Amino acid sequence: MDSHRRVDAIYADFALDSPSDYRAFLTAHARALGGLEAAAQPQAPRLPLLAQDLAALDLPLPEPLTLDDNVADGFHWGLRYTLEGSRLGGAMLSRQVAPGLPKAYLSAAHGKGEWIAFQRALDGAAAEGGEGWLDDAVQGAQAAFALFAQAGQQAGQASTHG
């Protein structure tokens, strides 16, 4: 919860109805998402949608932040949990985007029953994961939040000092 609150606080400084803030917000998300999706291999990646939004704003897809290698199954489920959960927040945030700005990435919400299906798959993986699986999953979720936090802080610093 603390990691989630920290990330929310960092990104709360971006006004999504401001074209310049929205560009910085999307760029930060792309830096985090690039590394996370490469490691987590989610079933429905959103990086292509984010790249589409950035291209519509004449921005390149930035270099992704790197994520420490961790091959533990639980770790990857923790990454996926954070990525899938961010879809819920994205759907709410998409309402704040100014008219005329692209929002394919934030609008990529779960389809009917997809969040529940993911949670069931997560529960199944946890049940089969054995000793240490849950600790690995928590580490994965925390690593994902840390990457989003790092990208958001860097983007915020660049916009105030750049």
C-alpha atoms as a PDB file:
ATOM      1  CA  MET A   1       0.000   0.000   0.000  1.00  0.00           C
ATOM      2  CA  ASP A   2       2.784   2.446   0.829  1.00  0.00           C
ATOM      3  CA  SER A   3       4.409   1.873  -2.562  1.00  0.00           C
ATOM      4  CA  HIS A   4       1.088   2.468  -4.299  1.00  0.00           C
ATOM      5  CA  ARG A   5       0.438   5.674  -2.356  1.00  0.00           C
ATOM      6  CA  ARG A   6       3.937   6.927  -3.156  1.00  0.00           C
ATOM      7  CA  VAL A   7       3.418   6.385  -6.889  1.00  0.00           C
ATOM      8  CA  ASP A   8      -0.016   8.021  -6.764  1.00  0.00           C
ATOM      9  CA  ALA A   9       1.490  11.042  -4.991  1.00  0.00           C
ATOM     10  CA  ILE A  10       4.258  11.394  -7.574  1.00  0.00           C
ATOM     11  CA  TYR A  11       1.899  11.237 -10.554  1.00  0.00           C
ATOM     12  CA  ALA A  12      -0.690  13.488  -8.900  1.00  0.00           C
ATOM     13  CA  ASP A  13       1.612  16.396  -9.763  1.00  0.00           C
ATOM     14  CA  PHE A  14       0.937  15.872 -13.488  1.00  0.00           C
ATOM     15  CA  ALA A  15      -2.106  17.772 -14.758  1.00  0.00           C
ATOM     16  CA  LEU A  16      -3.539  15.509 -17.431  1.00  0.00           C
ATOM     17  CA  ASP A  17      -5.515  18.369 -18.946  1.00  0.00           C
ATOM     18  CA  SER A  18      -2.236  20.190 -19.661  1.00  0.00           C
ATOM     19  CA  PRO A  19      -0.620  19.082 -22.934  1.00  0.00           C
ATOM     20  CA  SER A  20       2.933  19.505 -21.569  1.00  0.00           C
ATOM     21  CA  ASP A  21       2.201  17.661 -18.314  1.00  0.00           C
ATOM     22  CA  TYR A  22       0.369  14.928 -20.196  1.00  0.00           C
ATOM     23  CA  ARG A  23       3.369  14.460 -22.502  1.00  0.00           C
ATOM     24  CA  ALA A  24       5.648  14.141 -19.464  1.00  0.00           C
ATOM     25  CA  PHE A  25       3.196  11.725 -17.797  1.00  0.00           C
ATOM     26  CA  LEU A  26       3.038   9.460 -20.861  1.00  0.00           C
ATOM     27  CA  THR A  27       6.794   9.570 -21.350  1.00  0.00           C
ATOM     28  CA  ALA A  28       7.354   8.573 -17.724  1.00  0.00           C
ATOM     29  CA  HIS A  29       4.871   5.724 -18.009  1.00  0.00           C
ATOM     30  CA  ALA A  30       6.558   4.550 -21.208  1.00  0.00           C
ATOM     31  CA  ARG A  31       9.952   4.440 -19.495  1.00  0.00           C
ATOM     32  CA  ALA A  32       8.542   2.252 -16.710  1.00  0.00           C
ATOM     33  CA  LEU A  33       6.197   0.165 -18.836  1.00  0.00           C
ATOM     34  CA  GLY A  34       8.891  -0.699 -21.367  1.00  0.00           C
ATOM     35  CA  GLY A  35      11.014  -2.462 -18.777  1.00  0.00           C
ATOM     36  CA  LEU A  36       8.091  -3.974 -16.900  1.00  0.00           C
ATOM     37  CA  GLU A  37       6.285  -5.479 -19.857  1.00  0.00           C
ATOM     38  CA  ALA A  38       9.534  -6.913 -21.231  1.00  0.00           C
ATOM     39  CA  ALA A  39      10.009  -8.787 -17.953  1.00  0.00           C
ATOM     40  CA  ALA A  40       6.382  -9.596 -17.059  1.00  0.00           C
ATOM     41  CA  GLN A  41       5.142 -10.610 -20.508  1.00  0.00           C
ATOM     42  CA  PRO A  42       1.503  -9.635 -19.828  1.00  0.00           C
ATOM     43  CA  GLN A  43      -1.227 -11.208 -21.955  1.00  0.00           C
ATOM     44  CA  ALA A  44      -2.432  -7.804 -23.152  1.00  0.00           C
ATOM     45  CA  PRO A  45       0.550  -5.437 -23.335  1.00  0.00           C
ATOM     46  CA  ARG A  46      -0.225  -1.739 -23.366  1.00  0.00           C
ATOM     47  CA  LEU A  47       3.135  -0.440 -24.566  1.00  0.00           C
ATOM     48  CA  PRO A  48       1.912  -0.416 -28.207  1.00  0.00           C
ATOM     49  CA  LEU A  49      -1.037   1.770 -27.144  1.00  0.00           C
ATOM     50  CA  LEU A  50       1.284   4.063 -25.243  1.00  0.00           C
ATOM     51  CA  ALA A  51       3.592   4.289 -28.265  1.00  0.00           C
ATOM     52  CA  GLN A  52       0.548   5.178 -30.379  1.00  0.00           C
ATOM     53  CA  ASP A  53      -0.393   8.011 -27.990  1.00  0.00           C
ATOM     54  CA  LEU A  54       3.178   9.315 -27.919  1.00  0.00           C
ATOM     55  CA  ALA A  55       3.372   9.232 -31.725  1.00  0.00           C
ATOM     56  CA  ALA A  56       0.129  11.216 -31.928  1.00  0.00           C
ATOM     57  CA  LEU A  57       1.890  13.839 -29.799  1.00  0.00           C
ATOM     58  CA  ASP A  58       5.002  13.714 -32.026  1.00  0.00           C
ATOM     59  CA  LEU A  59       7.036  12.098 -29.276  1.00  0.00           C
ATOM     60  CA  PRO A  60       9.302   9.066 -29.625  1.00  0.00           C
ATOM     61  CA  LEU A  61       9.026   6.013 -27.435  1.00  0.00           C
ATOM     62  CA  PRO A  62      11.726   6.630 -24.805  1.00  0.00           C
ATOM     63  CA  GLU A  63      14.343   4.156 -23.668  1.00  0.00           C
ATOM     64  CA  PRO A  64      12.901   1.949 -20.951  1.00  0.00           C
ATOM     65  CA  LEU A  65      14.223   1.893 -17.431  1.00  0.00           C
ATOM     66  CA  THR A  66      15.927  -1.348 -16.562  1.00  0.00           C
ATOM     67  CA  LEU A  67      14.595  -3.846 -14.104  1.00  0.00           C
ATOM     68  CA  ASP A  68      16.871  -6.157 -12.159  1.00  0.00           C
ATOM     69  CA  ASP A  69      16.784  -9.699 -13.505  1.00  0.00           C
ATOM     70  CA  ASN A  70      14.674 -12.020 -11.397  1.00  0.00           C
ATOM     71  CA  VAL A  71      13.516 -15.321 -12.835  1.00  0.00           C
ATOM     72  CA  ALA A  72      11.244 -16.284  -9.931  1.00  0.00           C
ATOM     73  CA  ASP A  73       7.698 -17.065 -11.043  1.00  0.00           C
ATOM     74  CA  GLY A  74       6.198 -15.208  -8.092  1.00  0.00           C
ATOM     75  CA  PHE A  75       8.226 -12.095  -8.947  1.00  0.00           C
ATOM     76  CA  HIS A  76       6.771 -12.034 -12.466  1.00  0.00           C
ATOM     77  CA  TRP A  77       3.256 -12.478 -11.089  1.00  0.00           C
ATOM     78  CA  GLY A  78       3.903  -9.514  -8.785  1.00  0.00           C
ATOM     79  CA  LEU A  79       4.904  -7.420 -11.791  1.00  0.00           C
ATOM     80  CA  ARG A  80       1.781  -8.522 -13.667  1.00  0.00           C
ATOM     81  CA  TYR A  81      -0.420  -7.769 -10.663  1.00  0.00           C
ATOM     82  CA  THR A  82       0.825  -4.187 -10.601  1.00  0.00           C
ATOM     83  CA  LEU A  83       0.475  -3.793 -14.369  1.00  0.00           C
ATOM     84  CA  GLU A  84      -3.051  -5.218 -14.407  1.00  0.00           C
ATOM     85  CA  GLY A  85      -4.051  -3.119 -11.409  1.00  0.00           C
ATOM     86  CA  SER A  86      -2.798   0.011 -13.153  1.00  0.00           C
ATOM     87  CA  ARG A  87      -5.448  -0.543 -15.818  1.00  0.00           C
ATOM     88  CA  LEU A  88      -8.087   0.177 -13.166  1.00  0.00           C
ATOM     89  CA  GLY A  89      -6.464   3.501 -12.301  1.00  0.00           C
ATOM     90  CA  GLY A  90      -5.875   4.322 -15.956  1.00  0.00           C
ATOM     91  CA  ALA A  91      -9.570   4.078 -16.738  1.00  0.00           C
ATOM     92  CA  MET A  92     -10.264   6.669 -14.048  1.00  0.00           C
ATOM     93  CA  LEU A  93      -7.407   8.915 -15.136  1.00  0.00           C
ATOM     94  CA  SER A  94      -8.521   8.877 -18.778  1.00  0.00           C
ATOM     95  CA  ARG A  95     -11.472  11.066 -17.759  1.00  0.00           C
ATOM     96  CA  GLN A  96      -9.024  13.824 -16.763  1.00  0.00           C
ATOM     97  CA  VAL A  97      -7.270  13.975 -20.147  1.00  0.00           C
ATOM     98  CA  ALA A  98      -8.042  17.134 -22.074  1.00  0.00           C
ATOM     99  CA  PRO A  99     -10.263  16.765 -25.141  1.00  0.00           C
ATOM    100  CA  GLY A 100      -8.242  16.252 -28.289  1.00  0.00           C
ATOM    101  CA  LEU A 101      -5.338  14.500 -26.569  1.00  0.00           C
ATOM    102  CA  PRO A 102      -4.851  10.801 -27.345  1.00  0.00           C
ATOM    103  CA  LYS A 103      -5.720   8.375 -24.588  1.00  0.00           C
ATOM    104  CA  ALA A 104      -5.587   4.845 -25.969  1.00  0.00           C
ATOM    105  CA  TYR A 105      -3.173   3.806 -23.198  1.00  0.00           C
ATOM    106  CA  LEU A 106      -5.230   5.096 -20.290  1.00  0.00           C
ATOM    107  CA  SER A 107      -8.471   3.886 -21.840  1.00  0.00           C
ATOM    108  CA  ALA A 108      -7.230   0.281 -22.083  1.00  0.00           C
ATOM    109  CA  ALA A 109      -9.389  -0.975 -19.237  1.00  0.00           C
ATOM    110  CA  HIS A 110     -10.181  -4.605 -18.534  1.00  0.00           C
ATOM    111  CA  GLY A 111     -12.985  -6.183 -20.481  1.00  0.00           C
ATOM    112  CA  LYS A 112     -15.879  -7.730 -18.633  1.00  0.00           C
ATOM    113  CA  GLY A 113     -14.576 -10.423 -16.288  1.00  0.00           C
ATOM    114  CA  GLU A 114     -10.889  -9.955 -17.181  1.00  0.00           C
ATOM    115  CA  TRP A 115      -9.826  -8.578 -13.790  1.00  0.00           C
ATOM    116  CA  ILE A 116     -11.569 -11.428 -11.982  1.00  0.00           C
ATOM    117  CA  ALA A 117     -10.001 -13.951 -14.372  1.00  0.00           C
ATOM    118  CA  PHE A 118      -6.570 -12.469 -13.688  1.00  0.00           C
ATOM    119  CA  GLN A 119      -7.131 -12.662  -9.937  1.00  0.00           C
ATOM    120  CA  ARG A 120      -8.151 -16.311 -10.233  1.00  0.00           C
ATOM    121  CA  ALA A 121      -5.049 -17.093 -12.292  1.00  0.00           C
ATOM    122  CA  LEU A 122      -2.933 -15.283  -9.699  1.00  0.00           C
ATOM    123  CA  ASP A 123      -4.544 -17.278  -6.881  1.00  0.00           C
ATOM    124  CA  GLY A 124      -3.910 -20.513  -8.796  1.00  0.00           C
ATOM    125  CA  ALA A 125      -0.270 -19.637  -9.378  1.00  0.00           C
ATOM    126  CA  ALA A 126       0.116 -18.758  -5.690  1.00  0.00           C
ATOM    127  CA  ALA A 127      -1.437 -22.068  -4.609  1.00  0.00           C
ATOM    128  CA  GLU A 128       1.031 -23.974  -6.792  1.00  0.00           C
ATOM    129  CA  GLY A 129       3.982 -21.677  -6.126  1.00  0.00           C
ATOM    130  CA  GLY A 130       5.345 -23.243  -3.000  1.00  0.00           C
ATOM    131  CA  GLU A 131       7.464 -21.752  -0.282  1.00  0.00           C
ATOM    132  CA  GLY A 132       8.725 -18.260  -0.973  1.00  0.00           C
ATOM    133  CA  TRP A 133       6.342 -17.631  -3.874  1.00  0.00           C
ATOM    134  CA  LEU A 134       4.337 -14.963  -2.044  1.00  0.00           C
ATOM    135  CA  ASP A 135       7.494 -13.173  -0.910  1.00  0.00           C
ATOM    136  CA  ASP A 136       8.708 -13.173  -4.517  1.00  0.00           C
ATOM    137  CA  ALA A 137       5.338 -11.807  -5.700  1.00  0.00           C
ATOM    138  CA  VAL A 138       5.491  -8.978  -3.168  1.00  0.00           C
ATOM    139  CA  GLN A 139       9.022  -8.164  -4.321  1.00  0.00           C
ATOM    140  CA  GLY A 140       7.812  -8.087  -7.921  1.00  0.00           C
ATOM    141  CA  ALA A 141       4.957  -5.720  -7.103  1.00  0.00           C
ATOM    142  CA  GLN A 142       7.301  -3.465  -5.136  1.00  0.00           C
ATOM    143  CA  ALA A 143       9.810  -3.481  -7.999  1.00  0.00           C
ATOM    144  CA  ALA A 144       7.077  -2.424 -10.417  1.00  0.00           C
ATOM    145  CA  PHE A 145       5.947   0.418  -8.166  1.00  0.00           C
ATOM    146  CA  ALA A 146       9.575   1.481  -7.707  1.00  0.00           C
ATOM    147  CA  LEU A 147      10.100   1.662 -11.474  1.00  0.00           C
ATOM    148  CA  PHE A 148       6.956   3.778 -11.933  1.00  0.00           C
ATOM    149  CA  ALA A 149       8.113   6.001  -9.054  1.00  0.00           C
ATOM    150  CA  GLN A 150      11.599   6.416 -10.534  1.00  0.00           C
ATOM    151  CA  ALA A 151      10.204   7.342 -13.949  1.00  0.00           C
ATOM    152  CA  GLY A 152       7.705   9.790 -12.463  1.00  0.00           C
ATOM    153  CA  GLN A 153      10.271  11.496 -10.292  1.00  0.00           C
ATOM    154  CA  GLN A 154      12.690  11.851 -13.199  1.00  0.00           C
ATOM    155  CA  ALA A 155       9.956  13.299 -15.421  1.00  0.00           C
ATOM    156  CA  GLY A 156       8.854  15.690 -12.695  1.00  0.00           C
ATOM    157  CA  GLN A 157      12.422  16.878 -12.134  1.00  0.00           C
ATOM    158  CA  ALA A 158      12.973  17.343 -15.859  1.00  0.00           C
ATOM    159  CA  SER A 159       9.803  19.422 -16.240  1.00  0.00           C
ATOM    160  CA  THR A 160      10.683  21.708 -13.313  1.00  0.00           C
ATOM    161  CA  HIS A 161      14.397  21.963 -14.077  1.00  0.00           C
ATOM    162  CA  GLY A 162      14.442  21.463 -17.841  1.00  0.00           C
END
